[in-house]
mmCIF file of all heavy atoms, coordinates in Angstrom:
data_MODEL
# 
_entry.id   MODEL 
# 
loop_
_atom_site.group_PDB 
_atom_site.id 
_atom_site.type_symbol 
_atom_site.label_atom_id 
_atom_site.label_alt_id 
_atom_site.label_comp_id 
_atom_site.label_asym_id 
_atom_site.label_entity_id 
_atom_site.label_seq_id 
_atom_site.pdbx_PDB_ins_code 
_atom_site.Cartn_x 
_atom_site.Cartn_y 
_atom_site.Cartn_z 
_atom_site.occupancy 
_atom_site.B_iso_or_equiv 
_atom_site.pdbx_formal_charge 
_atom_site.auth_seq_id 
_atom_site.auth_comp_id 
_atom_site.auth_asym_id 
_atom_site.auth_atom_id 
_atom_site.pdbx_PDB_model_num 
ATOM 1   N N   . MET A 1 1  ? -10.685 -12.359 15.325 1.00 0.00 ? 1  MET A N   1 
ATOM 2   C CA  . MET A 1 1  ? -11.250 -13.438 14.436 1.00 0.00 ? 1  MET A CA  1 
ATOM 3   C C   . MET A 1 1  ? -10.480 -14.736 14.669 1.00 0.00 ? 1  MET A C   1 
ATOM 4   O O   . MET A 1 1  ? -9.555  -14.717 15.378 1.00 0.00 ? 1  MET A O   1 
ATOM 5   C CB  . MET A 1 1  ? -11.088 -12.958 13.036 1.00 0.00 ? 1  MET A CB  1 
ATOM 6   C CG  . MET A 1 1  ? -9.671  -12.848 12.557 1.00 0.00 ? 1  MET A CG  1 
ATOM 7   S SD  . MET A 1 1  ? -9.390  -11.714 11.278 1.00 0.00 ? 1  MET A SD  1 
ATOM 8   C CE  . MET A 1 1  ? -9.643  -10.072 11.999 1.00 0.00 ? 1  MET A CE  1 
ATOM 9   N N   . VAL A 1 2  ? -10.911 -15.776 14.012 1.00 0.00 ? 2  VAL A N   1 
ATOM 10  C CA  . VAL A 1 2  ? -10.269 -16.960 13.980 1.00 0.00 ? 2  VAL A CA  1 
ATOM 11  C C   . VAL A 1 2  ? -9.781  -17.207 12.553 1.00 0.00 ? 2  VAL A C   1 
ATOM 12  O O   . VAL A 1 2  ? -10.665 -17.266 11.816 1.00 0.00 ? 2  VAL A O   1 
ATOM 13  C CB  . VAL A 1 2  ? -11.176 -18.274 14.539 1.00 0.00 ? 2  VAL A CB  1 
ATOM 14  C CG1 . VAL A 1 2  ? -10.376 -19.587 14.396 1.00 0.00 ? 2  VAL A CG1 1 
ATOM 15  C CG2 . VAL A 1 2  ? -11.595 -17.917 15.986 1.00 0.00 ? 2  VAL A CG2 1 
ATOM 16  N N   . ILE A 1 3  ? -8.517  -17.514 12.413 1.00 0.00 ? 3  ILE A N   1 
ATOM 17  C CA  . ILE A 1 3  ? -7.988  -17.750 11.067 1.00 0.00 ? 3  ILE A CA  1 
ATOM 18  C C   . ILE A 1 3  ? -7.656  -19.243 10.885 1.00 0.00 ? 3  ILE A C   1 
ATOM 19  O O   . ILE A 1 3  ? -6.784  -19.812 11.808 1.00 0.00 ? 3  ILE A O   1 
ATOM 20  C CB  . ILE A 1 3  ? -6.784  -16.816 10.711 1.00 0.00 ? 3  ILE A CB  1 
ATOM 21  C CG1 . ILE A 1 3  ? -7.198  -15.372 10.869 1.00 0.00 ? 3  ILE A CG1 1 
ATOM 22  C CG2 . ILE A 1 3  ? -6.190  -17.167 9.385  1.00 0.00 ? 3  ILE A CG2 1 
ATOM 23  C CD1 . ILE A 1 3  ? -5.871  -14.460 10.868 1.00 0.00 ? 3  ILE A CD1 1 
ATOM 24  N N   . GLU A 1 4  ? -8.281  -19.982 9.980  1.00 0.00 ? 4  GLU A N   1 
ATOM 25  C CA  . GLU A 1 4  ? -8.054  -21.349 9.858  1.00 0.00 ? 4  GLU A CA  1 
ATOM 26  C C   . GLU A 1 4  ? -7.221  -21.537 8.635  1.00 0.00 ? 4  GLU A C   1 
ATOM 27  O O   . GLU A 1 4  ? -7.495  -20.902 7.549  1.00 0.00 ? 4  GLU A O   1 
ATOM 28  C CB  . GLU A 1 4  ? -9.371  -22.081 9.652  1.00 0.00 ? 4  GLU A CB  1 
ATOM 29  C CG  . GLU A 1 4  ? -10.223 -22.064 10.920 1.00 0.00 ? 4  GLU A CG  1 
ATOM 30  C CD  . GLU A 1 4  ? -11.592 -22.770 10.805 1.00 0.00 ? 4  GLU A CD  1 
ATOM 31  O OE1 . GLU A 1 4  ? -11.925 -23.131 9.524  1.00 0.00 ? 4  GLU A OE1 1 
ATOM 32  O OE2 . GLU A 1 4  ? -12.098 -23.317 11.792 1.00 0.00 ? 4  GLU A OE2 1 
ATOM 33  N N   . ASN A 1 5  ? -6.326  -22.415 8.600  1.00 0.00 ? 5  ASN A N   1 
ATOM 34  C CA  . ASN A 1 5  ? -5.409  -22.888 7.494  1.00 0.00 ? 5  ASN A CA  1 
ATOM 35  C C   . ASN A 1 5  ? -5.635  -24.375 7.227  1.00 0.00 ? 5  ASN A C   1 
ATOM 36  O O   . ASN A 1 5  ? -5.122  -25.166 7.918  1.00 0.00 ? 5  ASN A O   1 
ATOM 37  C CB  . ASN A 1 5  ? -3.861  -22.577 7.846  1.00 0.00 ? 5  ASN A CB  1 
ATOM 38  C CG  . ASN A 1 5  ? -2.951  -22.945 6.765  1.00 0.00 ? 5  ASN A CG  1 
ATOM 39  O OD1 . ASN A 1 5  ? -3.304  -23.455 5.668  1.00 0.00 ? 5  ASN A OD1 1 
ATOM 40  N ND2 . ASN A 1 5  ? -1.637  -22.789 6.980  1.00 0.00 ? 5  ASN A ND2 1 
ATOM 41  N N   . ALA A 1 6  ? -6.361  -24.529 6.135  1.00 0.00 ? 6  ALA A N   1 
ATOM 42  C CA  . ALA A 1 6  ? -6.659  -26.066 5.712  1.00 0.00 ? 6  ALA A CA  1 
ATOM 43  C C   . ALA A 1 6  ? -5.390  -26.587 4.880  1.00 0.00 ? 6  ALA A C   1 
ATOM 44  O O   . ALA A 1 6  ? -5.530  -27.638 4.401  1.00 0.00 ? 6  ALA A O   1 
ATOM 45  C CB  . ALA A 1 6  ? -7.964  -26.012 4.964  1.00 0.00 ? 6  ALA A CB  1 
ATOM 46  N N   . GLY A 1 7  ? -4.491  -25.785 4.501  1.00 0.00 ? 7  GLY A N   1 
ATOM 47  C CA  . GLY A 1 7  ? -3.330  -26.155 3.616  1.00 0.00 ? 7  GLY A CA  1 
ATOM 48  C C   . GLY A 1 7  ? -2.366  -27.117 4.447  1.00 0.00 ? 7  GLY A C   1 
ATOM 49  O O   . GLY A 1 7  ? -2.389  -27.298 5.579  1.00 0.00 ? 7  GLY A O   1 
ATOM 50  N N   . ASP A 1 8  ? -1.544  -27.678 3.463  1.00 0.00 ? 8  ASP A N   1 
ATOM 51  C CA  . ASP A 1 8  ? -0.459  -28.610 4.016  1.00 0.00 ? 8  ASP A CA  1 
ATOM 52  C C   . ASP A 1 8  ? 0.710   -27.945 4.578  1.00 0.00 ? 8  ASP A C   1 
ATOM 53  O O   . ASP A 1 8  ? 1.600   -28.496 4.992  1.00 0.00 ? 8  ASP A O   1 
ATOM 54  C CB  . ASP A 1 8  ? -0.115  -29.661 2.964  1.00 0.00 ? 8  ASP A CB  1 
ATOM 55  C CG  . ASP A 1 8  ? -1.287  -30.660 2.551  1.00 0.00 ? 8  ASP A CG  1 
ATOM 56  O OD1 . ASP A 1 8  ? -2.130  -30.887 3.525  1.00 0.00 ? 8  ASP A OD1 1 
ATOM 57  O OD2 . ASP A 1 8  ? -1.326  -30.923 1.450  1.00 0.00 ? 8  ASP A OD2 1 
ATOM 58  N N   . ALA A 1 9  ? 0.872   -26.511 4.286  1.00 0.00 ? 9  ALA A N   1 
ATOM 59  C CA  . ALA A 1 9  ? 1.897   -25.789 4.710  1.00 0.00 ? 9  ALA A CA  1 
ATOM 60  C C   . ALA A 1 9  ? 1.553   -24.724 5.740  1.00 0.00 ? 9  ALA A C   1 
ATOM 61  O O   . ALA A 1 9  ? 0.460   -24.126 5.722  1.00 0.00 ? 9  ALA A O   1 
ATOM 62  C CB  . ALA A 1 9  ? 2.595   -25.226 3.504  1.00 0.00 ? 9  ALA A CB  1 
ATOM 63  N N   . ASP A 1 10 ? 2.496   -24.491 6.740  1.00 0.00 ? 10 ASP A N   1 
ATOM 64  C CA  . ASP A 1 10 ? 2.278   -23.294 7.552  1.00 0.00 ? 10 ASP A CA  1 
ATOM 65  C C   . ASP A 1 10 ? 2.309   -22.039 6.760  1.00 0.00 ? 10 ASP A C   1 
ATOM 66  O O   . ASP A 1 10 ? 2.868   -21.948 5.749  1.00 0.00 ? 10 ASP A O   1 
ATOM 67  C CB  . ASP A 1 10 ? 3.331   -23.257 8.632  1.00 0.00 ? 10 ASP A CB  1 
ATOM 68  C CG  . ASP A 1 10 ? 3.407   -24.363 9.696  1.00 0.00 ? 10 ASP A CG  1 
ATOM 69  O OD1 . ASP A 1 10 ? 2.415   -25.191 9.633  1.00 0.00 ? 10 ASP A OD1 1 
ATOM 70  O OD2 . ASP A 1 10 ? 4.418   -24.512 10.318 1.00 0.00 ? 10 ASP A OD2 1 
ATOM 71  N N   . ASP A 1 11 ? 1.444   -20.995 7.237  1.00 0.00 ? 11 ASP A N   1 
ATOM 72  C CA  . ASP A 1 11 ? 1.460   -19.667 6.647  1.00 0.00 ? 11 ASP A CA  1 
ATOM 73  C C   . ASP A 1 11 ? 1.544   -18.764 7.740  1.00 0.00 ? 11 ASP A C   1 
ATOM 74  O O   . ASP A 1 11 ? 1.641   -19.057 8.885  1.00 0.00 ? 11 ASP A O   1 
ATOM 75  C CB  . ASP A 1 11 ? 0.122   -19.529 5.964  1.00 0.00 ? 11 ASP A CB  1 
ATOM 76  C CG  . ASP A 1 11 ? 0.283   -18.513 4.706  1.00 0.00 ? 11 ASP A CG  1 
ATOM 77  O OD1 . ASP A 1 11 ? 1.286   -17.791 4.626  1.00 0.00 ? 11 ASP A OD1 1 
ATOM 78  O OD2 . ASP A 1 11 ? -0.534  -18.673 3.800  1.00 0.00 ? 11 ASP A OD2 1 
ATOM 79  N N   . GLN A 1 12 ? 1.765   -17.488 7.367  1.00 0.00 ? 12 GLN A N   1 
ATOM 80  C CA  . GLN A 1 12 ? 2.148   -16.355 8.305  1.00 0.00 ? 12 GLN A CA  1 
ATOM 81  C C   . GLN A 1 12 ? 1.168   -15.263 7.849  1.00 0.00 ? 12 GLN A C   1 
ATOM 82  O O   . GLN A 1 12 ? 1.320   -14.732 6.726  1.00 0.00 ? 12 GLN A O   1 
ATOM 83  C CB  . GLN A 1 12 ? 3.558   -15.995 8.236  1.00 0.00 ? 12 GLN A CB  1 
ATOM 84  C CG  . GLN A 1 12 ? 4.067   -15.025 9.265  1.00 0.00 ? 12 GLN A CG  1 
ATOM 85  C CD  . GLN A 1 12 ? 4.415   -15.646 10.548 1.00 0.00 ? 12 GLN A CD  1 
ATOM 86  O OE1 . GLN A 1 12 ? 4.453   -16.852 10.725 1.00 0.00 ? 12 GLN A OE1 1 
ATOM 87  N NE2 . GLN A 1 12 ? 4.706   -14.805 11.530 1.00 0.00 ? 12 GLN A NE2 1 
ATOM 88  N N   . LEU A 1 13 ? 0.466   -14.632 8.864  1.00 0.00 ? 13 LEU A N   1 
ATOM 89  C CA  . LEU A 1 13 ? -0.306  -13.440 8.654  1.00 0.00 ? 13 LEU A CA  1 
ATOM 90  C C   . LEU A 1 13 ? 0.676   -12.320 8.873  1.00 0.00 ? 13 LEU A C   1 
ATOM 91  O O   . LEU A 1 13 ? 1.299   -12.219 9.921  1.00 0.00 ? 13 LEU A O   1 
ATOM 92  C CB  . LEU A 1 13 ? -1.390  -13.301 9.602  1.00 0.00 ? 13 LEU A CB  1 
ATOM 93  C CG  . LEU A 1 13 ? -2.116  -11.997 9.586  1.00 0.00 ? 13 LEU A CG  1 
ATOM 94  C CD1 . LEU A 1 13 ? -2.773  -11.703 8.274  1.00 0.00 ? 13 LEU A CD1 1 
ATOM 95  C CD2 . LEU A 1 13 ? -3.145  -11.942 10.823 1.00 0.00 ? 13 LEU A CD2 1 
ATOM 96  N N   . ILE A 1 14 ? 0.996   -11.577 7.831  1.00 0.00 ? 14 ILE A N   1 
ATOM 97  C CA  . ILE A 1 14 ? 2.070   -10.538 7.897  1.00 0.00 ? 14 ILE A CA  1 
ATOM 98  C C   . ILE A 1 14 ? 1.736   -9.136  7.846  1.00 0.00 ? 14 ILE A C   1 
ATOM 99  O O   . ILE A 1 14 ? 2.560   -8.238  8.089  1.00 0.00 ? 14 ILE A O   1 
ATOM 100 C CB  . ILE A 1 14 ? 3.184   -10.830 6.811  1.00 0.00 ? 14 ILE A CB  1 
ATOM 101 C CG1 . ILE A 1 14 ? 2.508   -10.841 5.433  1.00 0.00 ? 14 ILE A CG1 1 
ATOM 102 C CG2 . ILE A 1 14 ? 3.969   -12.139 7.011  1.00 0.00 ? 14 ILE A CG2 1 
ATOM 103 C CD1 . ILE A 1 14 ? 3.588   -10.774 4.142  1.00 0.00 ? 14 ILE A CD1 1 
ATOM 104 N N   . ASP A 1 15 ? 0.468   -8.889  7.396  1.00 0.00 ? 15 ASP A N   1 
ATOM 105 C CA  . ASP A 1 15 ? -0.063  -7.536  7.291  1.00 0.00 ? 15 ASP A CA  1 
ATOM 106 C C   . ASP A 1 15 ? -1.512  -7.483  7.227  1.00 0.00 ? 15 ASP A C   1 
ATOM 107 O O   . ASP A 1 15 ? -2.246  -8.329  7.125  1.00 0.00 ? 15 ASP A O   1 
ATOM 108 C CB  . ASP A 1 15 ? 0.692   -6.749  6.024  1.00 0.00 ? 15 ASP A CB  1 
ATOM 109 C CG  . ASP A 1 15 ? 0.463   -5.324  6.034  1.00 0.00 ? 15 ASP A CG  1 
ATOM 110 O OD1 . ASP A 1 15 ? 0.368   -4.725  7.153  1.00 0.00 ? 15 ASP A OD1 1 
ATOM 111 O OD2 . ASP A 1 15 ? 0.662   -4.771  5.012  1.00 0.00 ? 15 ASP A OD2 1 
ATOM 112 N N   . ALA A 1 16 ? -2.024  -6.189  7.535  1.00 0.00 ? 16 ALA A N   1 
ATOM 113 C CA  . ALA A 1 16 ? -3.496  -5.899  7.447  1.00 0.00 ? 16 ALA A CA  1 
ATOM 114 C C   . ALA A 1 16 ? -3.692  -4.504  6.997  1.00 0.00 ? 16 ALA A C   1 
ATOM 115 O O   . ALA A 1 16 ? -2.799  -3.583  7.238  1.00 0.00 ? 16 ALA A O   1 
ATOM 116 C CB  . ALA A 1 16 ? -4.200  -6.093  8.758  1.00 0.00 ? 16 ALA A CB  1 
ATOM 117 N N   . LYS A 1 17 ? -4.660  -4.309  6.226  1.00 0.00 ? 17 LYS A N   1 
ATOM 118 C CA  . LYS A 1 17 ? -5.052  -2.966  5.644  1.00 0.00 ? 17 LYS A CA  1 
ATOM 119 C C   . LYS A 1 17 ? -6.509  -2.702  5.582  1.00 0.00 ? 17 LYS A C   1 
ATOM 120 O O   . LYS A 1 17 ? -7.259  -3.707  5.425  1.00 0.00 ? 17 LYS A O   1 
ATOM 121 C CB  . LYS A 1 17 ? -4.602  -2.917  4.208  1.00 0.00 ? 17 LYS A CB  1 
ATOM 122 C CG  . LYS A 1 17 ? -3.064  -3.181  3.944  1.00 0.00 ? 17 LYS A CG  1 
ATOM 123 C CD  . LYS A 1 17 ? -2.764  -3.005  2.408  1.00 0.00 ? 17 LYS A CD  1 
ATOM 124 C CE  . LYS A 1 17 ? -1.483  -3.824  2.015  1.00 0.00 ? 17 LYS A CE  1 
ATOM 125 N NZ  . LYS A 1 17 ? -1.664  -5.222  2.050  1.00 0.00 ? 17 LYS A NZ  1 
ATOM 126 N N   . SER A 1 18 ? -6.816  -1.428  5.845  1.00 0.00 ? 18 SER A N   1 
ATOM 127 C CA  . SER A 1 18 ? -8.173  -1.003  5.794  1.00 0.00 ? 18 SER A CA  1 
ATOM 128 C C   . SER A 1 18 ? -8.234  0.460   5.547  1.00 0.00 ? 18 SER A C   1 
ATOM 129 O O   . SER A 1 18 ? -7.505  1.188   6.081  1.00 0.00 ? 18 SER A O   1 
ATOM 130 C CB  . SER A 1 18 ? -9.075  -1.387  7.044  1.00 0.00 ? 18 SER A CB  1 
ATOM 131 O OG  . SER A 1 18 ? -10.343 -0.988  6.980  1.00 0.00 ? 18 SER A OG  1 
ATOM 132 N N   . ASP A 1 19 ? -9.238  0.886   4.736  1.00 0.00 ? 19 ASP A N   1 
ATOM 133 C CA  . ASP A 1 19 ? -9.343  2.293   4.376  1.00 0.00 ? 19 ASP A CA  1 
ATOM 134 C C   . ASP A 1 19 ? -9.888  3.096   5.698  1.00 0.00 ? 19 ASP A C   1 
ATOM 135 O O   . ASP A 1 19 ? -9.940  4.249   5.611  1.00 0.00 ? 19 ASP A O   1 
ATOM 136 C CB  . ASP A 1 19 ? -10.357 2.510   3.280  1.00 0.00 ? 19 ASP A CB  1 
ATOM 137 C CG  . ASP A 1 19 ? -9.717  2.005   1.985  1.00 0.00 ? 19 ASP A CG  1 
ATOM 138 O OD1 . ASP A 1 19 ? -8.553  1.884   1.870  1.00 0.00 ? 19 ASP A OD1 1 
ATOM 139 O OD2 . ASP A 1 19 ? -10.497 1.673   0.977  1.00 0.00 ? 19 ASP A OD2 1 
ATOM 140 N N   . ILE A 1 20 ? -10.387 2.429   6.644  1.00 0.00 ? 20 ILE A N   1 
ATOM 141 C CA  . ILE A 1 20 ? -11.053 3.222   7.778  1.00 0.00 ? 20 ILE A CA  1 
ATOM 142 C C   . ILE A 1 20 ? -9.944  3.820   8.766  1.00 0.00 ? 20 ILE A C   1 
ATOM 143 O O   . ILE A 1 20 ? -10.361 4.701   9.452  1.00 0.00 ? 20 ILE A O   1 
ATOM 144 C CB  . ILE A 1 20 ? -12.038 2.361   8.622  1.00 0.00 ? 20 ILE A CB  1 
ATOM 145 C CG1 . ILE A 1 20 ? -11.200 1.173   9.313  1.00 0.00 ? 20 ILE A CG1 1 
ATOM 146 C CG2 . ILE A 1 20 ? -13.036 1.692   7.735  1.00 0.00 ? 20 ILE A CG2 1 
ATOM 147 C CD1 . ILE A 1 20 ? -12.036 0.589   10.470 1.00 0.00 ? 20 ILE A CD1 1 
ATOM 148 N N   . ALA A 1 21 ? -8.638  3.383   8.543  1.00 0.00 ? 21 ALA A N   1 
ATOM 149 C CA  . ALA A 1 21 ? -7.625  4.018   9.506  1.00 0.00 ? 21 ALA A CA  1 
ATOM 150 C C   . ALA A 1 21 ? -6.468  4.403   8.656  1.00 0.00 ? 21 ALA A C   1 
ATOM 151 O O   . ALA A 1 21 ? -6.006  3.788   7.747  1.00 0.00 ? 21 ALA A O   1 
ATOM 152 C CB  . ALA A 1 21 ? -7.331  2.959   10.531 1.00 0.00 ? 21 ALA A CB  1 
ATOM 153 N N   . ALA A 1 22 ? -5.708  5.368   9.372  1.00 0.00 ? 22 ALA A N   1 
ATOM 154 C CA  . ALA A 1 22 ? -4.457  5.915   8.879  1.00 0.00 ? 22 ALA A CA  1 
ATOM 155 C C   . ALA A 1 22 ? -3.438  4.758   8.938  1.00 0.00 ? 22 ALA A C   1 
ATOM 156 O O   . ALA A 1 22 ? -2.476  4.530   8.122  1.00 0.00 ? 22 ALA A O   1 
ATOM 157 C CB  . ALA A 1 22 ? -3.937  7.131   9.516  1.00 0.00 ? 22 ALA A CB  1 
ATOM 158 N N   . LYS A 1 23 ? -3.558  4.018   9.995  1.00 0.00 ? 23 LYS A N   1 
ATOM 159 C CA  . LYS A 1 23 ? -2.475  2.977   10.378 1.00 0.00 ? 23 LYS A CA  1 
ATOM 160 C C   . LYS A 1 23 ? -3.216  1.718   10.864 1.00 0.00 ? 23 LYS A C   1 
ATOM 161 O O   . LYS A 1 23 ? -4.023  1.812   11.673 1.00 0.00 ? 23 LYS A O   1 
ATOM 162 C CB  . LYS A 1 23 ? -1.528  3.521   11.409 1.00 0.00 ? 23 LYS A CB  1 
ATOM 163 C CG  . LYS A 1 23 ? -0.247  2.752   11.673 1.00 0.00 ? 23 LYS A CG  1 
ATOM 164 C CD  . LYS A 1 23 ? 0.531   3.456   12.627 1.00 0.00 ? 23 LYS A CD  1 
ATOM 165 C CE  . LYS A 1 23 ? 1.928   3.096   12.439 1.00 0.00 ? 23 LYS A CE  1 
ATOM 166 N NZ  . LYS A 1 23 ? 2.899   3.877   13.416 1.00 0.00 ? 23 LYS A NZ  1 
ATOM 167 N N   . VAL A 1 24 ? -2.822  0.596   10.264 1.00 0.00 ? 24 VAL A N   1 
ATOM 168 C CA  . VAL A 1 24 ? -3.421  -0.726  10.666 1.00 0.00 ? 24 VAL A CA  1 
ATOM 169 C C   . VAL A 1 24 ? -2.195  -1.636  10.896 1.00 0.00 ? 24 VAL A C   1 
ATOM 170 O O   . VAL A 1 24 ? -1.385  -1.800  10.187 1.00 0.00 ? 24 VAL A O   1 
ATOM 171 C CB  . VAL A 1 24 ? -4.217  -1.338  9.548  1.00 0.00 ? 24 VAL A CB  1 
ATOM 172 C CG1 . VAL A 1 24 ? -4.840  -2.631  10.113 1.00 0.00 ? 24 VAL A CG1 1 
ATOM 173 C CG2 . VAL A 1 24 ? -5.332  -0.354  9.262  1.00 0.00 ? 24 VAL A CG2 1 
ATOM 174 N N   . GLU A 1 25 ? -2.082  -2.216  12.225 1.00 0.00 ? 25 GLU A N   1 
ATOM 175 C CA  . GLU A 1 25 ? -1.039  -2.970  12.583 1.00 0.00 ? 25 GLU A CA  1 
ATOM 176 C C   . GLU A 1 25 ? -1.594  -4.368  13.233 1.00 0.00 ? 25 GLU A C   1 
ATOM 177 O O   . GLU A 1 25 ? -2.630  -4.333  13.699 1.00 0.00 ? 25 GLU A O   1 
ATOM 178 C CB  . GLU A 1 25 ? -0.102  -2.303  13.614 1.00 0.00 ? 25 GLU A CB  1 
ATOM 179 C CG  . GLU A 1 25 ? 0.660   -1.122  12.894 1.00 0.00 ? 25 GLU A CG  1 
ATOM 180 C CD  . GLU A 1 25 ? 1.469   -0.421  13.968 1.00 0.00 ? 25 GLU A CD  1 
ATOM 181 O OE1 . GLU A 1 25 ? 1.398   -0.614  15.194 1.00 0.00 ? 25 GLU A OE1 1 
ATOM 182 O OE2 . GLU A 1 25 ? 2.298   0.372   13.567 1.00 0.00 ? 25 GLU A OE2 1 
# 
């Protein structure tokens, strides 16, 4: 995907979760 940040501060994608998998990284 493409993640856009329209905010005035940097951000950090730090985790992801989904019920379809035992482990998401």
